[in-house]
Amino acid sequence: MLALAQDLPRLWADPRTSDQDHKRMVRLLVEDVTLIKDQQIRLHVRFKAGATRSLALPIPLTAWQLRTTSPDVVSEADRLLDTHTEAQVADELNRRGHRSGTDLAFTADIVSNIRRAYHLKSRFDRLRGAGLLTLAEIAQQLAVSTRTVRIWCRHSLLVGRPYNLKNECLYEPVGANAPTKQQGTKLSDRRQAGAIMPHAADEVHHEA
């Protein structure tokens, strides 16, 4: 009997030992098991000879918890949205070696889903909160067409910051040195003479 008890680990791990044999071995050794589940799983095992043993185990994660994005990644995405579009956030998270809750590389759609699921402020709302103007608003302020705004942005006379995959922008307000239409002057010359130059990583140039 002593030899059998000492040999039990080998017998249990032997690939020739069937599941049915495992159950028989447990029945020979264990009198009963009490399981209590609250903040964790607690097991109280009473053996045939009267010895007892207690174990505390963490509650296994549910399927949805296993698919949940890491809180650290959510926080990082939140910070990146201050200066990046969702597509740029996805690229940056991938560059840093992060994976989604389903172990996928990040895409703009996945970042968008995370933003909505965790109620993160959108890139558009962040830029609006910082005082940036819509295309229509800055066109009205400068008394030009929206097409002209895009052309001026492309030539760095205005600063536009993209907020979606379509490269649609919100624009930094202009002050006393706001550009105006100047007949006979090339845009490239105006840019070299003192245009508003980009100063952030998310600067974009629109096609006219």
N, C-alpha and C. Protein backbone atom coordinates (compact mmCIF):
# COMPACT_ATOMS: atom_id res chain seq x y z
N MET A 1 0.83 -1.20 0.00
CA MET A 1 0.00 0.00 0.00
C MET A 1 0.88 1.26 0.00
N LEU A 2 1.98 1.21 0.84
CA LEU A 2 2.86 2.36 0.89
C LEU A 2 3.53 2.58 -0.47
N ALA A 3 3.92 1.48 -1.09
CA ALA A 3 4.56 1.59 -2.41
C ALA A 3 3.58 2.15 -3.43
N LEU A 4 2.32 1.76 -3.32
CA LEU A 4 1.30 2.25 -4.25
C LEU A 4 1.10 3.75 -4.06
N ALA A 5 1.07 4.19 -2.80
CA ALA A 5 0.89 5.62 -2.53
C ALA A 5 2.07 6.43 -3.07
N GLN A 6 3.27 5.89 -2.90
CA GLN A 6 4.45 6.61 -3.40
C GLN A 6 4.51 6.60 -4.92
N ASP A 7 3.90 5.60 -5.52
CA ASP A 7 3.93 5.46 -6.97
C ASP A 7 2.76 6.18 -7.64
N LEU A 8 1.87 6.75 -6.85
CA LEU A 8 0.64 7.36 -7.38
C LEU A 8 0.91 8.46 -8.41
N PRO A 9 1.84 9.38 -8.17
CA PRO A 9 2.08 10.43 -9.18
C PRO A 9 2.46 9.87 -10.54
N ARG A 10 3.29 8.82 -10.53
CA ARG A 10 3.69 8.21 -11.81
C ARG A 10 2.52 7.55 -12.49
N LEU A 11 1.71 6.84 -11.70
CA LEU A 11 0.54 6.19 -12.27
C LEU A 11 -0.45 7.21 -12.84
N TRP A 12 -0.62 8.31 -12.11
CA TRP A 12 -1.56 9.35 -12.56
C TRP A 12 -1.12 9.97 -13.88
N ALA A 13 0.20 10.21 -14.01
CA ALA A 13 0.74 10.87 -15.20
C ALA A 13 0.98 9.92 -16.36
N ASP A 14 0.90 8.63 -16.11
CA ASP A 14 1.15 7.65 -17.16
C ASP A 14 0.09 7.80 -18.25
N PRO A 15 0.48 8.00 -19.52
CA PRO A 15 -0.50 8.17 -20.61
C PRO A 15 -1.40 6.95 -20.80
N ARG A 16 -0.97 5.79 -20.26
CA ARG A 16 -1.81 4.59 -20.38
C ARG A 16 -2.92 4.55 -19.33
N THR A 17 -2.87 5.47 -18.36
CA THR A 17 -3.93 5.52 -17.34
C THR A 17 -5.13 6.25 -17.93
N SER A 18 -6.26 5.59 -18.01
CA SER A 18 -7.46 6.16 -18.63
C SER A 18 -8.15 7.12 -17.68
N ASP A 19 -9.09 7.90 -18.22
CA ASP A 19 -9.89 8.81 -17.40
C ASP A 19 -10.69 8.02 -16.36
N GLN A 20 -11.18 6.85 -16.75
CA GLN A 20 -11.93 6.01 -15.82
C GLN A 20 -11.04 5.58 -14.65
N ASP A 21 -9.78 5.24 -14.95
CA ASP A 21 -8.85 4.87 -13.87
C ASP A 21 -8.56 6.05 -12.96
N HIS A 22 -8.47 7.25 -13.56
CA HIS A 22 -8.26 8.45 -12.74
C HIS A 22 -9.40 8.61 -11.74
N LYS A 23 -10.62 8.44 -12.21
CA LYS A 23 -11.78 8.57 -11.33
C LYS A 23 -11.75 7.53 -10.20
N ARG A 24 -11.36 6.30 -10.53
CA ARG A 24 -11.27 5.26 -9.52
C ARG A 24 -10.23 5.60 -8.46
N MET A 25 -9.10 6.13 -8.90
CA MET A 25 -8.04 6.50 -7.97
C MET A 25 -8.52 7.60 -7.02
N VAL A 26 -9.25 8.58 -7.57
CA VAL A 26 -9.77 9.67 -6.73
C VAL A 26 -10.75 9.12 -5.70
N ARG A 27 -11.63 8.23 -6.14
CA ARG A 27 -12.62 7.66 -5.21
C ARG A 27 -11.95 6.86 -4.09
N LEU A 28 -10.81 6.22 -4.39
CA LEU A 28 -10.09 5.46 -3.37
C LEU A 28 -9.46 6.37 -2.32
N LEU A 29 -9.12 7.60 -2.73
CA LEU A 29 -8.37 8.49 -1.84
C LEU A 29 -9.26 9.53 -1.13
N VAL A 30 -10.30 10.04 -1.83
CA VAL A 30 -11.05 11.18 -1.32
C VAL A 30 -12.39 10.74 -0.75
N GLU A 31 -12.70 11.24 0.45
CA GLU A 31 -14.00 10.98 1.07
C GLU A 31 -15.05 11.92 0.52
N ASP A 32 -14.78 13.22 0.54
CA ASP A 32 -15.71 14.20 -0.02
C ASP A 32 -14.98 15.52 -0.26
N VAL A 33 -15.63 16.37 -1.07
CA VAL A 33 -15.09 17.69 -1.41
C VAL A 33 -16.20 18.72 -1.23
N THR A 34 -15.88 19.81 -0.53
CA THR A 34 -16.82 20.92 -0.36
C THR A 34 -16.30 22.11 -1.16
N LEU A 35 -17.14 22.65 -2.00
CA LEU A 35 -16.76 23.78 -2.86
C LEU A 35 -17.59 25.00 -2.47
N ILE A 36 -16.92 26.11 -2.21
CA ILE A 36 -17.58 27.37 -1.88
C ILE A 36 -17.09 28.43 -2.88
N LYS A 37 -18.04 29.10 -3.54
CA LYS A 37 -17.68 30.11 -4.54
C LYS A 37 -18.21 31.47 -4.09
N ASP A 38 -17.31 32.42 -3.84
CA ASP A 38 -17.70 33.79 -3.56
C ASP A 38 -16.73 34.71 -4.31
N GLN A 39 -15.82 35.37 -3.57
CA GLN A 39 -14.82 36.19 -4.24
C GLN A 39 -13.78 35.32 -4.94
N GLN A 40 -13.66 34.11 -4.50
CA GLN A 40 -12.77 33.12 -5.10
C GLN A 40 -13.40 31.74 -4.90
N ILE A 41 -12.76 30.73 -5.44
CA ILE A 41 -13.25 29.36 -5.26
C ILE A 41 -12.43 28.71 -4.14
N ARG A 42 -13.13 28.23 -3.11
CA ARG A 42 -12.46 27.56 -1.99
C ARG A 42 -12.87 26.09 -1.98
N LEU A 43 -11.88 25.23 -1.94
CA LEU A 43 -12.09 23.78 -1.92
C LEU A 43 -11.62 23.21 -0.59
N HIS A 44 -12.49 22.41 0.04
CA HIS A 44 -12.12 21.71 1.26
C HIS A 44 -12.21 20.21 0.96
N VAL A 45 -11.07 19.54 0.98
CA VAL A 45 -10.99 18.13 0.60
C VAL A 45 -10.75 17.29 1.86
N ARG A 46 -11.58 16.25 2.04
CA ARG A 46 -11.40 15.32 3.16
C ARG A 46 -11.05 13.95 2.58
N PHE A 47 -9.89 13.44 3.02
CA PHE A 47 -9.41 12.16 2.50
C PHE A 47 -9.96 11.00 3.33
N LYS A 48 -9.85 9.79 2.77
CA LYS A 48 -10.38 8.58 3.41
C LYS A 48 -9.77 8.36 4.79
N ALA A 49 -8.51 8.68 4.94
CA ALA A 49 -7.83 8.43 6.22
C ALA A 49 -8.12 9.51 7.26
N GLY A 50 -8.90 10.55 6.86
CA GLY A 50 -9.26 11.59 7.81
C GLY A 50 -8.51 12.89 7.63
N ALA A 51 -7.44 12.91 6.85
CA ALA A 51 -6.69 14.14 6.61
C ALA A 51 -7.55 15.10 5.78
N THR A 52 -7.30 16.39 5.93
CA THR A 52 -8.04 17.40 5.17
C THR A 52 -7.05 18.36 4.52
N ARG A 53 -7.53 18.99 3.49
CA ARG A 53 -6.70 20.01 2.82
C ARG A 53 -7.65 21.06 2.22
N SER A 54 -7.26 22.33 2.32
CA SER A 54 -8.06 23.42 1.77
C SER A 54 -7.27 24.14 0.69
N LEU A 55 -7.95 24.49 -0.37
CA LEU A 55 -7.34 25.19 -1.49
C LEU A 55 -8.16 26.44 -1.81
N ALA A 56 -7.49 27.51 -2.23
CA ALA A 56 -8.15 28.74 -2.68
C ALA A 56 -7.70 29.02 -4.11
N LEU A 57 -8.66 29.14 -5.02
CA LEU A 57 -8.35 29.33 -6.44
C LEU A 57 -9.09 30.55 -6.96
N PRO A 58 -8.48 31.31 -7.88
CA PRO A 58 -9.19 32.44 -8.49
C PRO A 58 -10.33 31.94 -9.37
N ILE A 59 -11.38 32.72 -9.46
CA ILE A 59 -12.51 32.36 -10.33
C ILE A 59 -12.07 32.52 -11.78
N PRO A 60 -12.25 31.50 -12.61
CA PRO A 60 -11.84 31.61 -14.02
C PRO A 60 -12.58 32.76 -14.71
N LEU A 61 -11.88 33.40 -15.65
CA LEU A 61 -12.51 34.47 -16.41
C LEU A 61 -13.58 33.91 -17.33
N THR A 62 -14.65 34.67 -17.50
CA THR A 62 -15.70 34.27 -18.43
C THR A 62 -15.21 34.51 -19.86
N ALA A 63 -15.98 34.01 -20.83
CA ALA A 63 -15.59 34.17 -22.23
C ALA A 63 -15.48 35.64 -22.61
N TRP A 64 -16.44 36.46 -22.17
CA TRP A 64 -16.39 37.88 -22.54
C TRP A 64 -15.23 38.59 -21.87
N GLN A 65 -14.87 38.14 -20.64
CA GLN A 65 -13.72 38.75 -19.98
C GLN A 65 -12.41 38.41 -20.69
N LEU A 66 -12.32 37.18 -21.21
CA LEU A 66 -11.12 36.78 -21.94
C LEU A 66 -10.95 37.59 -23.22
N ARG A 67 -12.08 38.10 -23.76
CA ARG A 67 -12.04 38.87 -25.00
C ARG A 67 -11.97 40.37 -24.75
N THR A 68 -11.89 40.77 -23.48
CA THR A 68 -11.88 42.18 -23.14
C THR A 68 -10.49 42.78 -23.36
N THR A 69 -10.46 43.98 -23.90
CA THR A 69 -9.19 44.67 -24.12
C THR A 69 -8.55 45.05 -22.79
N SER A 70 -7.26 44.92 -22.72
CA SER A 70 -6.52 45.25 -21.50
C SER A 70 -6.78 46.70 -21.09
N PRO A 71 -6.98 46.95 -19.79
CA PRO A 71 -7.18 48.33 -19.32
C PRO A 71 -6.00 49.24 -19.69
N ASP A 72 -4.78 48.70 -19.71
CA ASP A 72 -3.62 49.50 -20.09
C ASP A 72 -3.72 49.96 -21.54
N VAL A 73 -4.21 49.06 -22.40
CA VAL A 73 -4.36 49.41 -23.81
C VAL A 73 -5.46 50.45 -23.99
N VAL A 74 -6.54 50.32 -23.24
CA VAL A 74 -7.63 51.31 -23.31
C VAL A 74 -7.11 52.68 -22.90
N SER A 75 -6.34 52.74 -21.82
CA SER A 75 -5.78 54.01 -21.36
C SER A 75 -4.83 54.60 -22.39
N GLU A 76 -4.03 53.72 -23.02
CA GLU A 76 -3.09 54.20 -24.02
C GLU A 76 -3.82 54.73 -25.24
N ALA A 77 -4.87 54.04 -25.67
CA ALA A 77 -5.68 54.50 -26.80
C ALA A 77 -6.31 55.86 -26.48
N ASP A 78 -6.77 56.01 -25.24
CA ASP A 78 -7.38 57.27 -24.83
C ASP A 78 -6.37 58.42 -24.95
N ARG A 79 -5.14 58.19 -24.51
CA ARG A 79 -4.11 59.22 -24.61
C ARG A 79 -3.77 59.53 -26.07
N LEU A 80 -3.67 58.48 -26.88
CA LEU A 80 -3.28 58.67 -28.28
C LEU A 80 -4.33 59.44 -29.07
N LEU A 81 -5.60 59.29 -28.70
CA LEU A 81 -6.67 59.98 -29.42
C LEU A 81 -6.58 61.49 -29.29
N ASP A 82 -5.80 61.99 -28.33
CA ASP A 82 -5.59 63.43 -28.22
C ASP A 82 -4.85 63.99 -29.42
N THR A 83 -4.02 63.15 -30.04
CA THR A 83 -3.15 63.63 -31.12
C THR A 83 -3.20 62.77 -32.39
N HIS A 84 -4.03 61.72 -32.39
CA HIS A 84 -4.06 60.80 -33.53
C HIS A 84 -5.50 60.49 -33.93
N THR A 85 -5.68 60.16 -35.22
CA THR A 85 -6.94 59.60 -35.66
C THR A 85 -7.02 58.15 -35.20
N GLU A 86 -8.19 57.54 -35.36
CA GLU A 86 -8.34 56.15 -34.94
C GLU A 86 -7.43 55.22 -35.73
N ALA A 87 -7.26 55.50 -37.03
CA ALA A 87 -6.35 54.68 -37.84
C ALA A 87 -4.92 54.83 -37.36
N GLN A 88 -4.52 56.05 -37.01
CA GLN A 88 -3.17 56.29 -36.50
C GLN A 88 -2.97 55.64 -35.13
N VAL A 89 -4.02 55.66 -34.31
CA VAL A 89 -3.95 55.00 -33.00
C VAL A 89 -3.71 53.50 -33.20
N ALA A 90 -4.45 52.90 -34.14
CA ALA A 90 -4.27 51.47 -34.43
C ALA A 90 -2.84 51.16 -34.85
N ASP A 91 -2.30 51.99 -35.74
CA ASP A 91 -0.91 51.78 -36.19
C ASP A 91 0.07 51.89 -35.03
N GLU A 92 -0.16 52.86 -34.15
CA GLU A 92 0.76 53.07 -33.03
C GLU A 92 0.67 51.92 -32.03
N LEU A 93 -0.54 51.45 -31.74
CA LEU A 93 -0.70 50.32 -30.82
C LEU A 93 -0.02 49.07 -31.37
N ASN A 94 -0.16 48.85 -32.69
CA ASN A 94 0.51 47.70 -33.31
C ASN A 94 2.03 47.86 -33.25
N ARG A 95 2.51 49.08 -33.48
CA ARG A 95 3.95 49.32 -33.44
C ARG A 95 4.52 49.04 -32.05
N ARG A 96 3.71 49.27 -31.01
CA ARG A 96 4.16 49.05 -29.64
C ARG A 96 3.94 47.60 -29.19
N GLY A 97 3.45 46.76 -30.09
CA GLY A 97 3.34 45.34 -29.80
C GLY A 97 2.07 44.93 -29.07
N HIS A 98 1.05 45.79 -29.04
CA HIS A 98 -0.20 45.45 -28.36
C HIS A 98 -1.09 44.60 -29.27
N ARG A 99 -1.99 43.84 -28.63
CA ARG A 99 -2.98 43.04 -29.37
C ARG A 99 -4.35 43.30 -28.78
N SER A 100 -5.38 43.08 -29.59
CA SER A 100 -6.75 43.29 -29.11
C SER A 100 -7.15 42.16 -28.16
N GLY A 101 -8.34 42.30 -27.57
CA GLY A 101 -8.83 41.28 -26.66
C GLY A 101 -9.01 39.93 -27.32
N THR A 102 -9.19 39.92 -28.65
CA THR A 102 -9.31 38.67 -29.39
C THR A 102 -7.99 38.30 -30.08
N ASP A 103 -6.89 38.90 -29.60
CA ASP A 103 -5.55 38.61 -30.09
C ASP A 103 -5.39 38.93 -31.58
N LEU A 104 -5.97 40.05 -31.99
CA LEU A 104 -5.84 40.51 -33.37
C LEU A 104 -5.02 41.79 -33.40
N ALA A 105 -4.42 42.06 -34.56
CA ALA A 105 -3.78 43.36 -34.74
C ALA A 105 -4.87 44.44 -34.76
N PHE A 106 -4.52 45.61 -34.28
CA PHE A 106 -5.50 46.68 -34.21
C PHE A 106 -5.79 47.28 -35.59
N THR A 107 -7.04 47.65 -35.80
CA THR A 107 -7.47 48.38 -36.98
C THR A 107 -8.25 49.60 -36.51
N ALA A 108 -8.57 50.50 -37.44
CA ALA A 108 -9.36 51.67 -37.09
C ALA A 108 -10.72 51.26 -36.54
N ASP A 109 -11.32 50.21 -37.10
CA ASP A 109 -12.63 49.74 -36.62
C ASP A 109 -12.53 49.22 -35.19
N ILE A 110 -11.47 48.49 -34.87
CA ILE A 110 -11.32 47.96 -33.51
C ILE A 110 -11.14 49.11 -32.52
N VAL A 111 -10.33 50.11 -32.89
CA VAL A 111 -10.14 51.27 -32.02
C VAL A 111 -11.47 52.00 -31.83
N SER A 112 -12.24 52.12 -32.92
CA SER A 112 -13.55 52.77 -32.83
C SER A 112 -14.47 52.01 -31.88
N ASN A 113 -14.45 50.68 -31.96
CA ASN A 113 -15.28 49.86 -31.06
C ASN A 113 -14.86 50.04 -29.61
N ILE A 114 -13.55 50.10 -29.37
CA ILE A 114 -13.05 50.31 -28.00
C ILE A 114 -13.49 51.68 -27.49
N ARG A 115 -13.38 52.69 -28.34
CA ARG A 115 -13.77 54.05 -27.93
C ARG A 115 -15.23 54.10 -27.51
N ARG A 116 -16.09 53.45 -28.29
CA ARG A 116 -17.52 53.46 -27.95
C ARG A 116 -17.80 52.61 -26.71
N ALA A 117 -17.16 51.45 -26.63
CA ALA A 117 -17.42 50.54 -25.50
C ALA A 117 -17.01 51.15 -24.17
N TYR A 118 -15.93 51.94 -24.19
CA TYR A 118 -15.42 52.52 -22.95
C TYR A 118 -15.74 54.02 -22.82
N HIS A 119 -16.62 54.49 -23.70
CA HIS A 119 -17.11 55.87 -23.64
C HIS A 119 -15.97 56.88 -23.66
N LEU A 120 -14.99 56.63 -24.54
CA LEU A 120 -13.90 57.58 -24.71
C LEU A 120 -14.35 58.71 -25.64
N LYS A 121 -13.85 59.90 -25.40
CA LYS A 121 -14.23 61.04 -26.22
C LYS A 121 -13.64 60.87 -27.62
N SER A 122 -14.42 61.18 -28.64
CA SER A 122 -13.96 61.02 -30.02
C SER A 122 -12.90 62.06 -30.37
N ARG A 123 -12.14 61.78 -31.41
CA ARG A 123 -11.13 62.72 -31.89
C ARG A 123 -11.79 64.05 -32.28
N PHE A 124 -12.93 63.99 -32.92
CA PHE A 124 -13.66 65.19 -33.32
C PHE A 124 -13.99 66.04 -32.09
N ASP A 125 -14.56 65.41 -31.06
CA ASP A 125 -14.94 66.15 -29.86
C ASP A 125 -13.73 66.73 -29.14
N ARG A 126 -12.62 66.02 -29.16
CA ARG A 126 -11.40 66.53 -28.53
C ARG A 126 -10.92 67.80 -29.23
N LEU A 127 -10.92 67.76 -30.56
CA LEU A 127 -10.48 68.92 -31.31
C LEU A 127 -11.45 70.09 -31.13
N ARG A 128 -12.73 69.82 -31.13
CA ARG A 128 -13.71 70.88 -30.91
C ARG A 128 -13.54 71.48 -29.52
N GLY A 129 -13.27 70.61 -28.54
CA GLY A 129 -13.05 71.09 -27.19
C GLY A 129 -11.82 71.98 -27.08
N ALA A 130 -10.87 71.79 -27.99
CA ALA A 130 -9.65 72.61 -28.00
C ALA A 130 -9.84 73.89 -28.80
N GLY A 131 -11.05 74.10 -29.34
CA GLY A 131 -11.34 75.34 -30.03
C GLY A 131 -11.17 75.32 -31.53
N LEU A 132 -10.93 74.17 -32.13
CA LEU A 132 -10.76 74.12 -33.58
C LEU A 132 -12.10 74.28 -34.29
N LEU A 133 -12.03 74.78 -35.53
CA LEU A 133 -13.22 75.15 -36.30
C LEU A 133 -13.51 74.12 -37.39
N THR A 134 -14.79 73.99 -37.73
CA THR A 134 -15.17 73.12 -38.84
C THR A 134 -14.80 73.80 -40.15
N LEU A 135 -14.86 73.03 -41.23
CA LEU A 135 -14.56 73.57 -42.56
C LEU A 135 -15.49 74.73 -42.88
N ALA A 136 -16.77 74.57 -42.61
CA ALA A 136 -17.74 75.64 -42.92
C ALA A 136 -17.47 76.88 -42.07
N GLU A 137 -17.12 76.67 -40.80
CA GLU A 137 -16.91 77.81 -39.91
C GLU A 137 -15.70 78.64 -40.32
N ILE A 138 -14.59 77.98 -40.67
CA ILE A 138 -13.40 78.76 -41.02
C ILE A 138 -13.57 79.40 -42.40
N ALA A 139 -14.31 78.72 -43.29
CA ALA A 139 -14.58 79.32 -44.60
C ALA A 139 -15.41 80.60 -44.43
N GLN A 140 -16.40 80.54 -43.55
CA GLN A 140 -17.21 81.73 -43.29
C GLN A 140 -16.39 82.82 -42.63
N GLN A 141 -15.52 82.45 -41.72
CA GLN A 141 -14.68 83.44 -41.03
C GLN A 141 -13.76 84.15 -42.00
N LEU A 142 -13.23 83.41 -42.98
CA LEU A 142 -12.28 83.99 -43.93
C LEU A 142 -12.97 84.54 -45.18
N ALA A 143 -14.30 84.32 -45.26
CA ALA A 143 -15.08 84.80 -46.41
C ALA A 143 -14.57 84.20 -47.72
N VAL A 144 -14.28 82.90 -47.69
CA VAL A 144 -13.85 82.19 -48.89
C VAL A 144 -14.65 80.88 -48.99
N SER A 145 -14.48 80.18 -50.08
CA SER A 145 -15.17 78.90 -50.25
C SER A 145 -14.45 77.80 -49.47
N THR A 146 -15.17 76.70 -49.25
CA THR A 146 -14.54 75.56 -48.57
C THR A 146 -13.42 74.98 -49.44
N ARG A 147 -13.56 75.08 -50.76
CA ARG A 147 -12.50 74.60 -51.65
C ARG A 147 -11.23 75.41 -51.43
N THR A 148 -11.38 76.72 -51.28
CA THR A 148 -10.21 77.57 -51.04
C THR A 148 -9.54 77.21 -49.72
N VAL A 149 -10.35 76.90 -48.69
CA VAL A 149 -9.78 76.50 -47.40
C VAL A 149 -8.91 75.27 -47.59
N ARG A 150 -9.39 74.29 -48.36
CA ARG A 150 -8.62 73.07 -48.57
C ARG A 150 -7.31 73.37 -49.32
N ILE A 151 -7.40 74.24 -50.31
CA ILE A 151 -6.19 74.59 -51.06
C ILE A 151 -5.19 75.28 -50.16
N TRP A 152 -5.67 76.22 -49.34
CA TRP A 152 -4.76 76.92 -48.43
C TRP A 152 -4.15 75.97 -47.40
N CYS A 153 -4.93 75.01 -46.98
CA CYS A 153 -4.40 74.03 -46.03
C CYS A 153 -3.31 73.19 -46.69
N ARG A 154 -3.55 72.83 -47.94
CA ARG A 154 -2.56 72.03 -48.66
C ARG A 154 -1.25 72.79 -48.81
N HIS A 155 -1.33 74.11 -48.93
CA HIS A 155 -0.13 74.93 -49.09
C HIS A 155 0.35 75.53 -47.76
N SER A 156 -0.17 74.96 -46.64
CA SER A 156 0.30 75.34 -45.29
C SER A 156 -0.03 76.78 -44.92
N LEU A 157 -1.03 77.37 -45.57
CA LEU A 157 -1.50 78.69 -45.14
C LEU A 157 -2.48 78.56 -43.98
N LEU A 158 -3.04 77.37 -43.81
CA LEU A 158 -3.92 77.05 -42.69
C LEU A 158 -3.48 75.71 -42.11
N VAL A 159 -3.81 75.49 -40.86
CA VAL A 159 -3.47 74.22 -40.21
C VAL A 159 -4.76 73.43 -39.99
N GLY A 160 -4.83 72.27 -40.63
CA GLY A 160 -5.98 71.38 -40.46
C GLY A 160 -5.57 70.09 -39.79
N ARG A 161 -6.39 69.64 -38.87
CA ARG A 161 -6.08 68.41 -38.15
C ARG A 161 -7.15 67.37 -38.45
N PRO A 162 -6.75 66.22 -39.02
CA PRO A 162 -7.73 65.20 -39.42
C PRO A 162 -8.37 64.54 -38.21
N TYR A 163 -9.62 64.12 -38.39
CA TYR A 163 -10.31 63.44 -37.30
C TYR A 163 -10.97 62.13 -37.73
N ASN A 164 -10.85 61.75 -39.02
CA ASN A 164 -11.42 60.47 -39.45
C ASN A 164 -10.64 59.90 -40.63
N LEU A 165 -11.10 58.74 -41.11
CA LEU A 165 -10.40 58.05 -42.20
C LEU A 165 -10.48 58.81 -43.52
N LYS A 166 -11.44 59.69 -43.66
CA LYS A 166 -11.60 60.47 -44.90
C LYS A 166 -10.67 61.68 -44.93
N ASN A 167 -9.86 61.84 -43.90
CA ASN A 167 -8.97 63.00 -43.78
C ASN A 167 -9.74 64.31 -43.69
N GLU A 168 -10.99 64.24 -43.23
CA GLU A 168 -11.73 65.47 -42.95
C GLU A 168 -11.10 66.13 -41.72
N CYS A 169 -11.05 67.45 -41.74
CA CYS A 169 -10.28 68.18 -40.73
C CYS A 169 -11.13 69.18 -39.95
N LEU A 170 -10.61 69.50 -38.79
CA LEU A 170 -10.99 70.71 -38.08
C LEU A 170 -9.77 71.62 -38.16
N TYR A 171 -10.02 72.93 -38.10
CA TYR A 171 -8.96 73.88 -38.41
C TYR A 171 -8.65 74.78 -37.23
N GLU A 172 -7.34 75.05 -37.08
CA GLU A 172 -6.92 75.95 -36.03
C GLU A 172 -7.37 77.37 -36.36
N PRO A 173 -7.91 78.08 -35.37
CA PRO A 173 -8.35 79.46 -35.62
C PRO A 173 -7.18 80.32 -36.09
N VAL A 174 -7.49 81.34 -36.88
CA VAL A 174 -6.46 82.26 -37.37
C VAL A 174 -6.69 83.63 -36.74
N GLY A 175 -5.61 84.37 -36.60
CA GLY A 175 -5.71 85.69 -35.97
C GLY A 175 -5.56 86.80 -36.98
N ALA A 176 -4.78 87.80 -36.58
CA ALA A 176 -4.63 88.99 -37.42
C ALA A 176 -3.92 88.67 -38.74
N ASN A 177 -3.13 87.61 -38.76
CA ASN A 177 -2.39 87.26 -39.98
C ASN A 177 -3.11 86.22 -40.83
N ALA A 178 -4.43 86.22 -40.76
CA ALA A 178 -5.22 85.26 -41.54
C ALA A 178 -4.96 85.46 -43.02
N PRO A 179 -4.85 84.38 -43.78
CA PRO A 179 -4.61 84.52 -45.23
C PRO A 179 -5.81 85.15 -45.92
N THR A 180 -5.54 85.87 -46.99
CA THR A 180 -6.59 86.47 -47.81
C THR A 180 -6.27 86.18 -49.27
N LYS A 181 -7.27 86.33 -50.10
CA LYS A 181 -7.04 86.13 -51.53
C LYS A 181 -6.15 87.25 -52.06
N GLN A 182 -5.11 86.87 -52.80
CA GLN A 182 -4.19 87.85 -53.37
C GLN A 182 -4.00 87.52 -54.84
N GLN A 183 -4.63 88.25 -55.69
CA GLN A 183 -4.54 88.00 -57.12
C GLN A 183 -3.10 88.19 -57.60
N GLY A 184 -2.64 87.27 -58.42
CA GLY A 184 -1.32 87.39 -59.03
C GLY A 184 -0.17 86.92 -58.17
N THR A 185 -0.46 86.39 -56.98
CA THR A 185 0.60 85.89 -56.11
C THR A 185 0.49 84.37 -55.99
N LYS A 186 1.59 83.68 -56.26
CA LYS A 186 1.58 82.23 -56.17
C LYS A 186 1.49 81.79 -54.72
N LEU A 187 0.74 80.71 -54.48
CA LEU A 187 0.60 80.20 -53.12
C LEU A 187 1.94 79.76 -52.55
N SER A 188 2.79 79.20 -53.42
CA SER A 188 4.10 78.75 -52.94
C SER A 188 4.93 79.93 -52.45
N ASP A 189 4.80 81.10 -53.12
CA ASP A 189 5.52 82.29 -52.69
C ASP A 189 4.98 82.80 -51.36
N ARG A 190 3.66 82.73 -51.20
CA ARG A 190 3.06 83.20 -49.95
C ARG A 190 3.48 82.30 -48.78
N ARG A 191 3.61 81.00 -49.06
CA ARG A 191 4.01 80.08 -48.01
C ARG A 191 5.43 80.38 -47.54
N GLN A 192 6.31 80.65 -48.52
CA GLN A 192 7.70 80.94 -48.17
C GLN A 192 7.83 82.29 -47.46
N ALA A 193 6.85 83.18 -47.70
CA ALA A 193 6.94 84.53 -47.15
C ALA A 193 6.42 84.63 -45.72
N GLY A 194 5.89 83.53 -45.18
CA GLY A 194 5.43 83.63 -43.79
C GLY A 194 4.11 82.94 -43.55
N ALA A 195 3.96 81.76 -44.11
CA ALA A 195 2.72 81.02 -43.94
C ALA A 195 2.68 80.38 -42.57
N ILE A 196 1.46 79.90 -42.21
CA ILE A 196 1.29 79.14 -40.97
C ILE A 196 1.84 77.75 -41.20
N MET A 197 2.90 77.40 -40.53
CA MET A 197 3.54 76.11 -40.74
C MET A 197 3.03 75.09 -39.74
N PRO A 198 2.91 73.83 -40.16
CA PRO A 198 2.44 72.79 -39.23
C PRO A 198 3.42 72.57 -38.10
N HIS A 199 2.88 72.20 -36.93
CA HIS A 199 3.75 71.95 -35.78
C HIS A 199 3.32 70.74 -34.98
N ALA A 200 2.54 69.84 -35.60
CA ALA A 200 2.11 68.66 -34.88
C ALA A 200 2.13 67.47 -35.81
N ALA A 201 2.22 66.28 -35.22
CA ALA A 201 2.36 65.04 -36.00
C ALA A 201 1.12 64.74 -36.82
N ASP A 202 -0.04 65.28 -36.45
CA ASP A 202 -1.27 64.92 -37.15
C ASP A 202 -1.64 65.93 -38.21
N GLU A 203 -0.71 66.78 -38.62
CA GLU A 203 -0.98 67.75 -39.68
C GLU A 203 -1.31 66.99 -40.96
N VAL A 204 -2.21 67.55 -41.77
CA VAL A 204 -2.61 66.91 -43.02
C VAL A 204 -2.75 67.97 -44.09
N HIS A 205 -2.51 67.57 -45.32
CA HIS A 205 -2.71 68.46 -46.46
C HIS A 205 -3.87 67.92 -47.29
N HIS A 206 -4.83 68.78 -47.59
CA HIS A 206 -5.98 68.38 -48.40
C HIS A 206 -5.66 68.54 -49.87
N GLU A 207 -6.26 67.66 -50.64
CA GLU A 207 -6.25 67.87 -52.08
C GLU A 207 -7.34 68.88 -52.43
N ALA A 208 -7.06 69.74 -53.38
CA ALA A 208 -8.05 70.75 -53.77
C ALA A 208 -9.21 70.09 -54.50
